[in-house]
């Protein structure tokens, strides 16, 4: 079969082909950028900023309790793509990108079955939940990122559950605040370097604004 018969014979036709090729190329790069960031980029960014990073292990399982939540000994919550713990402009933060697939579809392997979302949380105080997760410590805290990790998970659990299972109506900019935290939650969206840093800047501005009006 002579495939040349499918080629356009008019400049306008070649223009349409060029637009289609560029569009498909952009779409492919756009999709690949999320996979590249979650696989390599987030860990590289963590090394650059001296943040803590780890990939997720399991897609299904029980969410860790406050007693189990330990960055160094407890695996990431089920469904995690990756986690970050760090500090920015004096605030400790936690990032979790997650994916969810209904258990009834567990035997299917298509990537389109997965639904992604993420939560970024900033601690606006060193004692969220009134110090419930830190006041009992008998030794001085040397790493507030690890110390606040159980509090981050407790705060984010209902948010992550609603992102996966509920029809939660998020406030403007996806911001959720309370108990010494402010979070940005995005359903059906994945993280890139630019998006992560932009959302962190948004949370820092929100934290400063809140502090000025207290």
N, C-alpha and C. Protein backbone atom coordinates (compact mmCIF):
# COMPACT_ATOMS: atom_id res chain seq x y z
N UNK A 1 0.84 -1.20 0.00
CA UNK A 1 0.00 0.00 0.00
C UNK A 1 0.87 1.25 0.00
N UNK A 2 0.54 2.19 -0.84
CA UNK A 2 1.30 3.43 -0.94
C UNK A 2 0.75 4.44 0.07
N UNK A 3 1.53 4.64 1.16
CA UNK A 3 1.06 5.53 2.22
C UNK A 3 1.10 6.99 1.81
N UNK A 4 1.75 7.30 0.71
CA UNK A 4 1.82 8.70 0.28
C UNK A 4 0.46 9.25 -0.13
N UNK A 5 -0.48 8.35 -0.42
CA UNK A 5 -1.81 8.83 -0.82
C UNK A 5 -2.51 9.53 0.34
N UNK A 6 -2.02 9.25 1.57
CA UNK A 6 -2.64 9.87 2.75
C UNK A 6 -2.04 11.25 3.04
N UNK A 7 -0.95 11.59 2.36
CA UNK A 7 -0.32 12.88 2.62
C UNK A 7 -1.11 14.00 1.96
N UNK A 8 -1.19 15.15 2.62
CA UNK A 8 -1.93 16.27 2.04
C UNK A 8 -1.23 16.81 0.80
N UNK A 9 -1.99 17.32 -0.13
CA UNK A 9 -1.43 17.87 -1.36
C UNK A 9 -1.66 19.37 -1.47
N UNK A 10 -1.94 19.99 -0.30
CA UNK A 10 -2.19 21.43 -0.29
C UNK A 10 -1.52 22.02 0.95
N UNK A 11 -0.94 23.21 0.86
CA UNK A 11 -0.29 23.82 2.03
C UNK A 11 -1.19 23.89 3.26
N UNK A 12 -2.49 24.13 3.04
CA UNK A 12 -3.40 24.18 4.18
C UNK A 12 -3.47 22.82 4.88
N UNK A 13 -3.43 21.75 4.10
CA UNK A 13 -3.43 20.41 4.68
C UNK A 13 -2.20 20.16 5.52
N UNK A 14 -1.03 20.61 5.04
CA UNK A 14 0.20 20.45 5.82
C UNK A 14 0.14 21.29 7.10
N UNK A 15 -0.53 22.44 7.02
CA UNK A 15 -0.69 23.24 8.23
C UNK A 15 -1.51 22.52 9.28
N UNK A 16 -2.57 21.84 8.84
CA UNK A 16 -3.39 21.06 9.77
C UNK A 16 -2.57 19.94 10.39
N UNK A 17 -1.76 19.25 9.54
CA UNK A 17 -0.91 18.17 10.05
C UNK A 17 0.07 18.70 11.09
N UNK A 18 0.67 19.85 10.81
CA UNK A 18 1.63 20.43 11.74
C UNK A 18 0.97 20.75 13.08
N UNK A 19 -0.22 21.33 13.03
CA UNK A 19 -0.94 21.64 14.27
C UNK A 19 -1.24 20.38 15.06
N UNK A 20 -1.65 19.32 14.36
CA UNK A 20 -1.95 18.06 15.04
C UNK A 20 -0.70 17.47 15.68
N UNK A 21 0.41 17.49 14.95
CA UNK A 21 1.66 16.93 15.49
C UNK A 21 2.12 17.72 16.71
N UNK A 22 2.07 19.05 16.61
CA UNK A 22 2.47 19.87 17.75
C UNK A 22 1.55 19.66 18.94
N UNK A 23 0.25 19.54 18.66
CA UNK A 23 -0.70 19.31 19.74
C UNK A 23 -0.47 17.99 20.44
N UNK A 24 -0.25 16.94 19.66
CA UNK A 24 0.02 15.63 20.26
C UNK A 24 1.34 15.63 21.02
N UNK A 25 2.33 16.33 20.48
CA UNK A 25 3.62 16.42 21.18
C UNK A 25 3.49 17.13 22.50
N UNK A 26 2.74 18.24 22.51
CA UNK A 26 2.53 18.98 23.77
C UNK A 26 1.77 18.12 24.76
N UNK A 27 0.72 17.43 24.30
CA UNK A 27 -0.07 16.59 25.19
C UNK A 27 0.78 15.48 25.78
N UNK A 28 1.63 14.86 24.95
CA UNK A 28 2.49 13.80 25.45
C UNK A 28 3.48 14.31 26.49
N UNK A 29 4.07 15.48 26.24
CA UNK A 29 5.01 16.05 27.21
C UNK A 29 4.29 16.44 28.49
N UNK A 30 3.09 16.99 28.36
CA UNK A 30 2.30 17.38 29.53
C UNK A 30 2.02 16.17 30.40
N UNK A 31 1.63 15.05 29.80
CA UNK A 31 1.37 13.83 30.56
C UNK A 31 2.65 13.28 31.17
N UNK A 32 3.72 13.31 30.40
CA UNK A 32 4.99 12.76 30.88
C UNK A 32 5.57 13.57 32.02
N UNK A 33 5.29 14.89 32.05
CA UNK A 33 5.88 15.73 33.08
C UNK A 33 5.45 15.31 34.48
N UNK A 34 4.20 14.84 34.63
CA UNK A 34 3.73 14.39 35.94
C UNK A 34 4.45 13.11 36.36
N UNK A 35 4.58 12.17 35.43
CA UNK A 35 5.26 10.92 35.74
C UNK A 35 6.73 11.16 36.06
N UNK A 36 7.38 12.03 35.29
CA UNK A 36 8.79 12.31 35.52
C UNK A 36 9.00 12.98 36.88
N UNK A 37 8.08 13.87 37.27
CA UNK A 37 8.26 14.54 38.55
C UNK A 37 8.08 13.57 39.70
N UNK A 38 7.03 12.75 39.65
CA UNK A 38 6.79 11.82 40.76
C UNK A 38 7.86 10.75 40.83
N UNK A 39 8.47 10.39 39.70
CA UNK A 39 9.47 9.33 39.68
C UNK A 39 10.86 9.84 40.01
N UNK A 40 11.24 11.00 39.45
CA UNK A 40 12.59 11.51 39.63
C UNK A 40 12.63 12.94 40.17
N UNK A 41 11.77 13.80 39.66
CA UNK A 41 11.88 15.22 39.95
C UNK A 41 11.66 15.59 41.40
N UNK A 42 10.68 14.97 42.05
CA UNK A 42 10.40 15.31 43.44
C UNK A 42 11.57 14.95 44.35
N UNK A 43 12.17 13.80 44.10
CA UNK A 43 13.32 13.39 44.91
C UNK A 43 14.50 14.31 44.67
N UNK A 44 14.70 14.71 43.43
CA UNK A 44 15.79 15.64 43.13
C UNK A 44 15.56 16.99 43.81
N UNK A 45 14.34 17.49 43.76
CA UNK A 45 14.01 18.74 44.43
C UNK A 45 14.25 18.63 45.93
N UNK A 46 13.90 17.49 46.51
CA UNK A 46 14.12 17.29 47.95
C UNK A 46 15.61 17.35 48.29
N UNK A 47 16.45 16.77 47.44
CA UNK A 47 17.90 16.83 47.69
C UNK A 47 18.39 18.27 47.60
N UNK A 48 17.87 19.02 46.63
CA UNK A 48 18.30 20.41 46.46
C UNK A 48 17.93 21.26 47.68
N UNK A 49 16.77 21.00 48.27
CA UNK A 49 16.26 21.85 49.35
C UNK A 49 16.48 21.24 50.74
N UNK A 50 17.15 20.10 50.81
CA UNK A 50 17.36 19.41 52.08
C UNK A 50 16.04 19.03 52.73
N UNK A 51 15.10 18.54 51.92
CA UNK A 51 13.83 18.03 52.40
C UNK A 51 13.90 16.51 52.50
N UNK A 52 12.92 15.93 53.16
CA UNK A 52 12.81 14.47 53.26
C UNK A 52 11.85 13.98 52.19
N UNK A 53 12.18 12.86 51.57
CA UNK A 53 11.38 12.33 50.46
C UNK A 53 11.30 10.82 50.56
N UNK A 54 10.17 10.27 50.15
CA UNK A 54 10.06 8.82 49.98
C UNK A 54 8.89 8.49 49.05
N UNK A 55 9.06 7.41 48.29
CA UNK A 55 8.01 6.91 47.42
C UNK A 55 7.01 6.08 48.23
N UNK A 56 5.80 5.98 47.71
CA UNK A 56 4.80 5.11 48.33
C UNK A 56 5.09 3.65 48.07
N UNK A 57 4.54 2.78 48.92
CA UNK A 57 4.78 1.34 48.82
C UNK A 57 3.53 0.57 48.41
N UNK A 58 2.42 0.83 49.06
CA UNK A 58 1.21 0.04 48.87
C UNK A 58 0.05 0.92 48.40
N UNK A 59 -0.83 0.32 47.59
CA UNK A 59 -2.00 1.06 47.12
C UNK A 59 -3.21 0.88 48.02
N UNK A 60 -3.27 -0.24 48.74
CA UNK A 60 -4.40 -0.50 49.63
C UNK A 60 -3.88 -0.89 51.00
N UNK A 61 -4.66 -0.61 52.02
CA UNK A 61 -4.27 -0.96 53.38
C UNK A 61 -4.90 0.00 54.37
N UNK A 62 -4.47 -0.10 55.61
CA UNK A 62 -5.01 0.74 56.68
C UNK A 62 -4.17 2.00 56.85
N UNK A 63 -4.85 3.10 57.06
CA UNK A 63 -4.17 4.36 57.31
C UNK A 63 -3.48 4.28 58.67
N UNK A 64 -2.22 4.72 58.80
CA UNK A 64 -1.52 4.62 60.08
C UNK A 64 -2.16 5.47 61.16
N UNK A 65 -2.19 4.95 62.37
CA UNK A 65 -2.70 5.71 63.51
C UNK A 65 -1.63 6.69 63.98
N UNK A 66 -2.02 7.57 64.91
CA UNK A 66 -1.07 8.54 65.43
C UNK A 66 0.10 7.85 66.12
N UNK A 67 -0.17 6.72 66.77
CA UNK A 67 0.90 5.99 67.45
C UNK A 67 1.84 5.31 66.45
N UNK A 68 1.32 4.93 65.30
CA UNK A 68 2.14 4.26 64.30
C UNK A 68 2.91 5.23 63.42
N UNK A 69 2.41 6.44 63.29
CA UNK A 69 2.97 7.39 62.33
C UNK A 69 4.36 7.83 62.74
N UNK A 70 5.34 7.31 62.08
CA UNK A 70 6.74 7.67 62.31
C UNK A 70 7.43 7.68 60.95
N UNK A 71 8.02 8.80 60.59
CA UNK A 71 8.60 8.94 59.25
C UNK A 71 9.65 7.87 58.97
N UNK A 72 10.44 7.53 59.96
CA UNK A 72 11.55 6.61 59.74
C UNK A 72 11.17 5.15 59.88
N UNK A 73 10.06 4.84 60.57
CA UNK A 73 9.72 3.44 60.82
C UNK A 73 8.40 3.00 60.21
N UNK A 74 7.53 3.94 59.90
CA UNK A 74 6.21 3.61 59.37
C UNK A 74 6.19 3.85 57.86
N UNK A 75 5.65 2.92 57.06
CA UNK A 75 5.55 3.15 55.62
C UNK A 75 4.57 4.28 55.32
N UNK A 76 4.65 4.87 54.15
CA UNK A 76 3.70 5.92 53.78
C UNK A 76 2.26 5.41 53.81
N UNK A 77 1.30 6.30 53.99
CA UNK A 77 -0.10 5.87 53.96
C UNK A 77 -0.42 5.16 52.64
N UNK A 78 -1.31 4.19 52.67
CA UNK A 78 -1.64 3.46 51.44
C UNK A 78 -2.18 4.40 50.36
N UNK A 79 -1.78 4.13 49.14
CA UNK A 79 -2.19 4.97 48.03
C UNK A 79 -1.26 6.12 47.74
N UNK A 80 -0.22 6.29 48.57
CA UNK A 80 0.71 7.40 48.35
C UNK A 80 1.56 7.15 47.11
N UNK A 81 1.70 8.15 46.27
CA UNK A 81 2.67 8.10 45.18
C UNK A 81 4.03 8.52 45.72
N UNK A 82 4.04 9.62 46.47
CA UNK A 82 5.26 10.03 47.18
C UNK A 82 4.87 10.99 48.29
N UNK A 83 5.82 11.18 49.21
CA UNK A 83 5.66 12.13 50.31
C UNK A 83 6.90 13.01 50.40
N UNK A 84 6.69 14.24 50.84
CA UNK A 84 7.76 15.17 51.14
C UNK A 84 7.53 15.77 52.52
N UNK A 85 8.60 15.93 53.27
CA UNK A 85 8.58 16.68 54.53
C UNK A 85 9.69 17.71 54.45
N UNK A 86 9.36 18.96 54.74
CA UNK A 86 10.40 19.97 54.66
C UNK A 86 10.01 21.23 55.41
N UNK A 87 10.80 22.26 55.20
CA UNK A 87 10.48 23.56 55.78
C UNK A 87 10.74 24.63 54.73
N UNK A 88 9.92 25.66 54.77
CA UNK A 88 10.02 26.76 53.81
C UNK A 88 9.67 28.05 54.54
N UNK A 89 10.57 29.01 54.48
CA UNK A 89 10.36 30.31 55.12
C UNK A 89 9.97 30.17 56.59
N UNK A 90 10.57 29.20 57.27
CA UNK A 90 10.32 29.01 58.70
C UNK A 90 9.11 28.18 59.04
N UNK A 91 8.39 27.68 58.05
CA UNK A 91 7.21 26.84 58.28
C UNK A 91 7.51 25.40 57.86
N UNK A 92 7.06 24.45 58.68
CA UNK A 92 7.19 23.03 58.34
C UNK A 92 6.00 22.64 57.48
N UNK A 93 6.26 21.82 56.47
CA UNK A 93 5.18 21.41 55.57
C UNK A 93 5.28 19.93 55.24
N UNK A 94 4.17 19.39 54.77
CA UNK A 94 4.09 17.99 54.32
C UNK A 94 3.36 17.96 52.99
N UNK A 95 3.86 17.15 52.08
CA UNK A 95 3.25 16.98 50.75
C UNK A 95 2.95 15.51 50.55
N UNK A 96 1.76 15.24 50.05
CA UNK A 96 1.41 13.86 49.70
C UNK A 96 0.64 13.85 48.39
N UNK A 97 1.21 13.19 47.38
CA UNK A 97 0.45 12.90 46.16
C UNK A 97 -0.07 11.48 46.29
N UNK A 98 -1.33 11.28 45.98
CA UNK A 98 -1.94 9.98 46.17
C UNK A 98 -2.70 9.56 44.92
N UNK A 99 -2.99 8.28 44.85
CA UNK A 99 -3.84 7.77 43.78
C UNK A 99 -4.82 6.77 44.37
N UNK A 100 -5.95 6.65 43.71
CA UNK A 100 -7.01 5.79 44.22
C UNK A 100 -7.67 5.06 43.06
N UNK A 101 -7.98 3.80 43.30
CA UNK A 101 -8.77 3.01 42.35
C UNK A 101 -9.75 2.18 43.14
N UNK A 102 -10.99 2.17 42.72
CA UNK A 102 -12.02 1.42 43.43
C UNK A 102 -11.63 -0.04 43.52
N UNK A 103 -11.88 -0.66 44.68
CA UNK A 103 -11.49 -2.06 44.87
C UNK A 103 -12.10 -2.99 43.83
N UNK A 104 -13.26 -2.63 43.31
CA UNK A 104 -13.87 -3.47 42.29
C UNK A 104 -13.09 -3.49 40.99
N UNK A 105 -12.19 -2.51 40.82
CA UNK A 105 -11.37 -2.45 39.62
C UNK A 105 -9.95 -2.89 39.88
N UNK A 106 -9.72 -3.53 41.02
CA UNK A 106 -8.35 -3.83 41.43
C UNK A 106 -7.63 -4.76 40.48
N UNK A 107 -8.37 -5.60 39.73
CA UNK A 107 -7.72 -6.55 38.84
C UNK A 107 -7.38 -5.92 37.49
N UNK A 108 -7.87 -4.74 37.24
CA UNK A 108 -7.55 -4.07 35.99
C UNK A 108 -6.22 -3.34 36.14
N UNK A 109 -5.50 -3.20 35.07
CA UNK A 109 -4.16 -2.64 35.14
C UNK A 109 -4.01 -1.35 34.34
N UNK A 110 -5.06 -0.89 33.70
CA UNK A 110 -4.96 0.31 32.89
C UNK A 110 -4.65 1.52 33.76
N UNK A 111 -3.72 2.36 33.30
CA UNK A 111 -3.39 3.58 34.05
C UNK A 111 -4.58 4.52 34.15
N UNK A 112 -5.50 4.43 33.18
CA UNK A 112 -6.65 5.33 33.19
C UNK A 112 -7.60 5.03 34.34
N UNK A 113 -7.45 3.85 34.99
CA UNK A 113 -8.31 3.52 36.12
C UNK A 113 -7.97 4.35 37.36
N UNK A 114 -6.74 4.85 37.45
CA UNK A 114 -6.30 5.56 38.64
C UNK A 114 -6.79 7.00 38.63
N UNK A 115 -7.11 7.49 39.81
CA UNK A 115 -7.49 8.88 39.98
C UNK A 115 -6.50 9.50 40.97
N UNK A 116 -5.84 10.55 40.53
CA UNK A 116 -4.78 11.18 41.32
C UNK A 116 -5.29 12.46 41.99
N UNK A 117 -4.68 12.77 43.10
CA UNK A 117 -4.94 14.03 43.80
C UNK A 117 -3.74 14.30 44.70
N UNK A 118 -3.71 15.48 45.29
CA UNK A 118 -2.61 15.76 46.22
C UNK A 118 -3.06 16.74 47.28
N UNK A 119 -2.34 16.70 48.39
CA UNK A 119 -2.56 17.61 49.52
C UNK A 119 -1.20 18.15 49.95
N UNK A 120 -1.13 19.45 50.12
CA UNK A 120 0.06 20.10 50.67
C UNK A 120 -0.38 20.85 51.92
N UNK A 121 0.27 20.57 53.04
CA UNK A 121 -0.14 21.14 54.33
C UNK A 121 1.02 21.89 54.96
N UNK A 122 0.74 23.08 55.46
CA UNK A 122 1.72 23.90 56.14
C UNK A 122 1.30 24.04 57.60
N UNK A 123 2.22 23.81 58.52
CA UNK A 123 1.95 24.03 59.94
C UNK A 123 2.16 25.50 60.25
N UNK A 124 1.12 26.19 60.67
CA UNK A 124 1.22 27.61 60.96
C UNK A 124 1.70 27.88 62.38
N UNK A 125 1.86 26.83 63.16
CA UNK A 125 2.36 26.93 64.53
C UNK A 125 3.21 25.69 64.82
N UNK A 126 4.07 25.79 65.81
CA UNK A 126 4.88 24.63 66.19
C UNK A 126 4.10 23.67 67.08
N UNK A 127 2.90 24.05 67.48
CA UNK A 127 2.08 23.20 68.35
C UNK A 127 0.68 23.01 67.77
N UNK A 128 0.54 22.41 66.59
CA UNK A 128 -0.80 22.15 66.06
C UNK A 128 -1.56 21.19 66.96
N UNK A 129 -2.87 21.25 66.89
CA UNK A 129 -3.73 20.48 67.79
C UNK A 129 -3.41 20.78 69.25
N UNK A 130 -2.99 22.01 69.53
CA UNK A 130 -2.69 22.40 70.90
C UNK A 130 -1.52 21.65 71.51
N UNK A 131 -0.63 21.13 70.67
CA UNK A 131 0.53 20.39 71.15
C UNK A 131 0.25 18.94 71.48
N UNK A 132 -0.90 18.42 71.08
CA UNK A 132 -1.28 17.05 71.43
C UNK A 132 -0.24 16.03 70.96
N UNK A 133 0.37 16.26 69.80
CA UNK A 133 1.30 15.28 69.25
C UNK A 133 2.75 15.53 69.67
N UNK A 134 3.01 16.62 70.36
CA UNK A 134 4.39 16.94 70.73
C UNK A 134 4.59 17.18 72.22
N UNK A 135 3.54 17.53 72.96
CA UNK A 135 3.70 17.91 74.37
C UNK A 135 4.19 16.76 75.24
N UNK A 136 3.92 15.51 74.84
CA UNK A 136 4.28 14.37 75.67
C UNK A 136 5.76 14.01 75.58
N UNK A 137 6.50 14.62 74.68
CA UNK A 137 7.90 14.26 74.49
C UNK A 137 8.72 14.66 75.71
N UNK A 138 9.60 13.77 76.11
CA UNK A 138 10.44 14.02 77.28
C UNK A 138 11.82 14.53 76.90
N UNK A 139 12.14 14.52 75.61
CA UNK A 139 13.42 15.03 75.14
C UNK A 139 13.19 16.21 74.21
N UNK A 140 14.22 17.02 74.05
CA UNK A 140 14.11 18.19 73.19
C UNK A 140 13.91 17.76 71.73
N UNK A 141 13.07 18.49 71.03
CA UNK A 141 12.82 18.18 69.62
C UNK A 141 13.92 18.81 68.77
N UNK A 142 14.61 17.99 68.02
CA UNK A 142 15.69 18.47 67.17
C UNK A 142 15.29 18.54 65.69
N UNK A 143 14.23 17.87 65.32
CA UNK A 143 13.76 17.89 63.93
C UNK A 143 12.24 18.03 63.94
N UNK A 144 11.77 19.25 63.74
CA UNK A 144 10.34 19.50 63.80
C UNK A 144 9.59 18.86 62.64
N UNK A 145 10.27 18.59 61.56
CA UNK A 145 9.60 17.92 60.44
C UNK A 145 9.12 16.54 60.88
N UNK A 146 10.02 15.76 61.43
CA UNK A 146 9.66 14.42 61.90
C UNK A 146 8.70 14.48 63.09
N UNK A 147 8.91 15.46 63.96
CA UNK A 147 8.06 15.57 65.16
C UNK A 147 6.60 15.85 64.79
N UNK A 148 6.38 16.63 63.75
CA UNK A 148 5.02 17.00 63.37
C UNK A 148 4.39 16.03 62.38
N UNK A 149 5.13 15.04 61.93
CA UNK A 149 4.59 14.11 60.93
C UNK A 149 3.29 13.44 61.38
N UNK A 150 3.19 12.91 62.62
CA UNK A 150 1.91 12.32 63.04
C UNK A 150 0.75 13.31 62.99
N UNK A 151 1.01 14.57 63.35
CA UNK A 151 -0.04 15.58 63.31
C UNK A 151 -0.46 15.87 61.87
N UNK A 152 0.50 15.90 60.96
CA UNK A 152 0.17 16.10 59.54
C UNK A 152 -0.76 14.99 59.05
N UNK A 153 -0.43 13.75 59.37
CA UNK A 153 -1.25 12.63 58.90
C UNK A 153 -2.65 12.68 59.50
N UNK A 154 -2.74 13.02 60.79
CA UNK A 154 -4.06 13.10 61.43
C UNK A 154 -4.92 14.18 60.77
N UNK A 155 -4.31 15.31 60.45
CA UNK A 155 -5.04 16.40 59.82
C UNK A 155 -5.46 16.04 58.39
N UNK A 156 -4.58 15.39 57.65
CA UNK A 156 -4.83 15.13 56.23
C UNK A 156 -5.73 13.93 55.98
N UNK A 157 -5.86 13.04 56.95
CA UNK A 157 -6.64 11.81 56.70
C UNK A 157 -8.05 12.09 56.19
N UNK A 158 -8.86 12.93 56.85
CA UNK A 158 -10.21 13.17 56.32
C UNK A 158 -10.20 13.90 54.98
N UNK A 159 -9.21 14.75 54.76
CA UNK A 159 -9.12 15.45 53.47
C UNK A 159 -8.85 14.46 52.35
N UNK A 160 -7.88 13.56 52.57
CA UNK A 160 -7.54 12.56 51.56
C UNK A 160 -8.71 11.62 51.31
N UNK A 161 -9.41 11.26 52.38
CA UNK A 161 -10.56 10.36 52.22
C UNK A 161 -11.64 11.01 51.37
N UNK A 162 -11.91 12.27 51.62
CA UNK A 162 -12.92 12.97 50.84
C UNK A 162 -12.49 13.17 49.39
N UNK A 163 -11.21 13.41 49.17
CA UNK A 163 -10.73 13.54 47.79
C UNK A 163 -10.94 12.25 47.02
N UNK A 164 -10.78 11.11 47.70
CA UNK A 164 -10.94 9.81 47.04
C UNK A 164 -12.39 9.38 46.91
N UNK A 165 -13.18 9.60 47.96
CA UNK A 165 -14.50 8.97 48.04
C UNK A 165 -15.67 9.94 48.02
N UNK A 166 -15.45 11.17 48.38
CA UNK A 166 -16.57 12.08 48.57
C UNK A 166 -16.68 13.12 47.48
N UNK A 167 -17.72 13.89 47.60
CA UNK A 167 -17.96 15.00 46.68
C UNK A 167 -17.66 16.31 47.40
N UNK A 168 -16.50 16.36 48.02
CA UNK A 168 -16.15 17.52 48.84
C UNK A 168 -16.11 18.79 47.98
N UNK A 169 -16.70 19.85 48.49
CA UNK A 169 -16.64 21.14 47.83
C UNK A 169 -15.52 21.93 48.48
N UNK A 170 -14.43 22.11 47.77
CA UNK A 170 -13.28 22.79 48.34
C UNK A 170 -13.50 24.30 48.34
N UNK A 171 -13.00 24.98 49.38
CA UNK A 171 -13.08 26.44 49.44
C UNK A 171 -12.25 27.06 48.31
N UNK A 172 -12.30 28.39 48.17
CA UNK A 172 -11.51 29.05 47.13
C UNK A 172 -10.04 28.67 47.19
N UNK A 173 -9.44 28.46 46.04
CA UNK A 173 -8.04 28.06 45.91
C UNK A 173 -7.77 26.68 46.51
N UNK A 174 -8.81 25.93 46.88
CA UNK A 174 -8.61 24.62 47.46
C UNK A 174 -8.08 24.65 48.87
N UNK A 175 -8.17 25.79 49.55
CA UNK A 175 -7.57 25.94 50.88
C UNK A 175 -8.49 25.43 51.97
N UNK A 176 -7.89 24.68 52.90
CA UNK A 176 -8.60 24.17 54.08
C UNK A 176 -7.73 24.49 55.28
N UNK A 177 -8.29 25.11 56.32
CA UNK A 177 -7.48 25.49 57.46
C UNK A 177 -8.13 25.14 58.78
N UNK A 178 -7.28 25.06 59.83
CA UNK A 178 -7.75 24.77 61.17
C UNK A 178 -6.72 24.01 61.96
N UNK A 179 -6.85 24.00 63.28
CA UNK A 179 -6.00 23.22 64.19
C UNK A 179 -4.52 23.53 64.05
N UNK A 180 -4.18 24.72 63.57
CA UNK A 180 -2.77 25.07 63.39
C UNK A 180 -2.21 24.66 62.05
N UNK A 181 -3.09 24.35 61.08
CA UNK A 181 -2.66 23.95 59.74
C UNK A 181 -3.41 24.76 58.70
N UNK A 182 -2.81 24.84 57.52
CA UNK A 182 -3.51 25.30 56.33
C UNK A 182 -3.05 24.39 55.19
N UNK A 183 -4.02 23.89 54.42
CA UNK A 183 -3.74 22.93 53.36
C UNK A 183 -4.32 23.41 52.04
N UNK A 184 -3.69 22.98 50.97
CA UNK A 184 -4.27 23.12 49.65
C UNK A 184 -4.49 21.70 49.12
N UNK A 185 -5.70 21.42 48.69
CA UNK A 185 -6.07 20.07 48.23
C UNK A 185 -6.60 20.17 46.81
N UNK A 186 -6.06 19.33 45.93
CA UNK A 186 -6.46 19.34 44.52
C UNK A 186 -6.89 17.94 44.09
N UNK A 187 -8.12 17.84 43.64
CA UNK A 187 -8.61 16.56 43.14
C UNK A 187 -8.36 16.46 41.64
N UNK A 188 -8.00 15.24 41.20
CA UNK A 188 -7.75 14.93 39.78
C UNK A 188 -6.62 15.78 39.20
N UNK A 189 -5.66 16.10 40.04
CA UNK A 189 -4.49 16.85 39.57
C UNK A 189 -3.24 16.22 40.16
N UNK A 190 -2.14 16.35 39.42
CA UNK A 190 -0.86 15.81 39.87
C UNK A 190 0.14 16.96 40.00
N UNK A 191 1.22 16.65 40.72
CA UNK A 191 2.20 17.69 41.01
C UNK A 191 3.30 17.74 39.96
N UNK A 192 3.75 18.96 39.71
CA UNK A 192 4.99 19.23 39.00
C UNK A 192 5.82 20.14 39.91
N UNK A 193 7.06 20.36 39.55
CA UNK A 193 7.90 21.23 40.34
C UNK A 193 7.28 22.63 40.45
N UNK A 194 6.84 23.16 39.33
CA UNK A 194 6.26 24.51 39.33
C UNK A 194 5.00 24.56 40.18
N UNK A 195 4.15 23.58 40.04
CA UNK A 195 2.88 23.57 40.79
C UNK A 195 3.14 23.44 42.28
N UNK A 196 4.09 22.58 42.67
CA UNK A 196 4.41 22.40 44.08
C UNK A 196 4.92 23.69 44.70
N UNK A 197 5.88 24.34 44.04
CA UNK A 197 6.45 25.56 44.59
C UNK A 197 5.42 26.69 44.62
N UNK A 198 4.55 26.74 43.62
CA UNK A 198 3.51 27.77 43.60
C UNK A 198 2.52 27.57 44.75
N UNK A 199 2.14 26.33 45.01
CA UNK A 199 1.21 26.06 46.11
C UNK A 199 1.86 26.32 47.47
N UNK A 200 3.14 26.02 47.59
CA UNK A 200 3.84 26.34 48.84
C UNK A 200 3.86 27.85 49.07
N UNK A 201 4.12 28.62 48.02
CA UNK A 201 4.09 30.08 48.15
C UNK A 201 2.70 30.56 48.56
N UNK A 202 1.67 29.95 47.99
CA UNK A 202 0.30 30.30 48.35
C UNK A 202 0.04 30.06 49.83
N UNK A 203 0.50 28.92 50.34
CA UNK A 203 0.28 28.58 51.74
C UNK A 203 1.07 29.50 52.67
N UNK A 204 2.29 29.85 52.28
CA UNK A 204 3.09 30.76 53.10
C UNK A 204 2.41 32.12 53.18
N UNK A 205 1.91 32.62 52.06
CA UNK A 205 1.20 33.90 52.07
C UNK A 205 -0.04 33.83 52.95
N UNK A 206 -0.75 32.72 52.87
CA UNK A 206 -1.94 32.55 53.70
C UNK A 206 -1.56 32.52 55.18
N UNK A 207 -0.47 31.84 55.52
CA UNK A 207 -0.03 31.76 56.92
C UNK A 207 0.36 33.13 57.44
N UNK A 208 1.09 33.91 56.63
CA UNK A 208 1.47 35.27 57.05
C UNK A 208 0.24 36.15 57.20
N UNK A 209 -0.70 36.03 56.28
CA UNK A 209 -1.93 36.83 56.36
C UNK A 209 -2.72 36.50 57.62
N UNK A 210 -2.81 35.22 57.94
CA UNK A 210 -3.53 34.79 59.14
C UNK A 210 -2.86 35.33 60.39
N UNK A 211 -1.50 35.26 60.43
CA UNK A 211 -0.77 35.73 61.60
C UNK A 211 -0.95 37.24 61.81
N UNK A 212 -1.03 37.99 60.72
CA UNK A 212 -1.17 39.45 60.83
C UNK A 212 -2.55 39.86 61.33
N UNK A 213 -3.54 38.99 61.17
CA UNK A 213 -4.91 39.35 61.55
C UNK A 213 -5.38 38.63 62.81
N UNK A 214 -4.46 38.08 63.56
CA UNK A 214 -4.82 37.44 64.82
C UNK A 214 -4.69 38.42 65.97
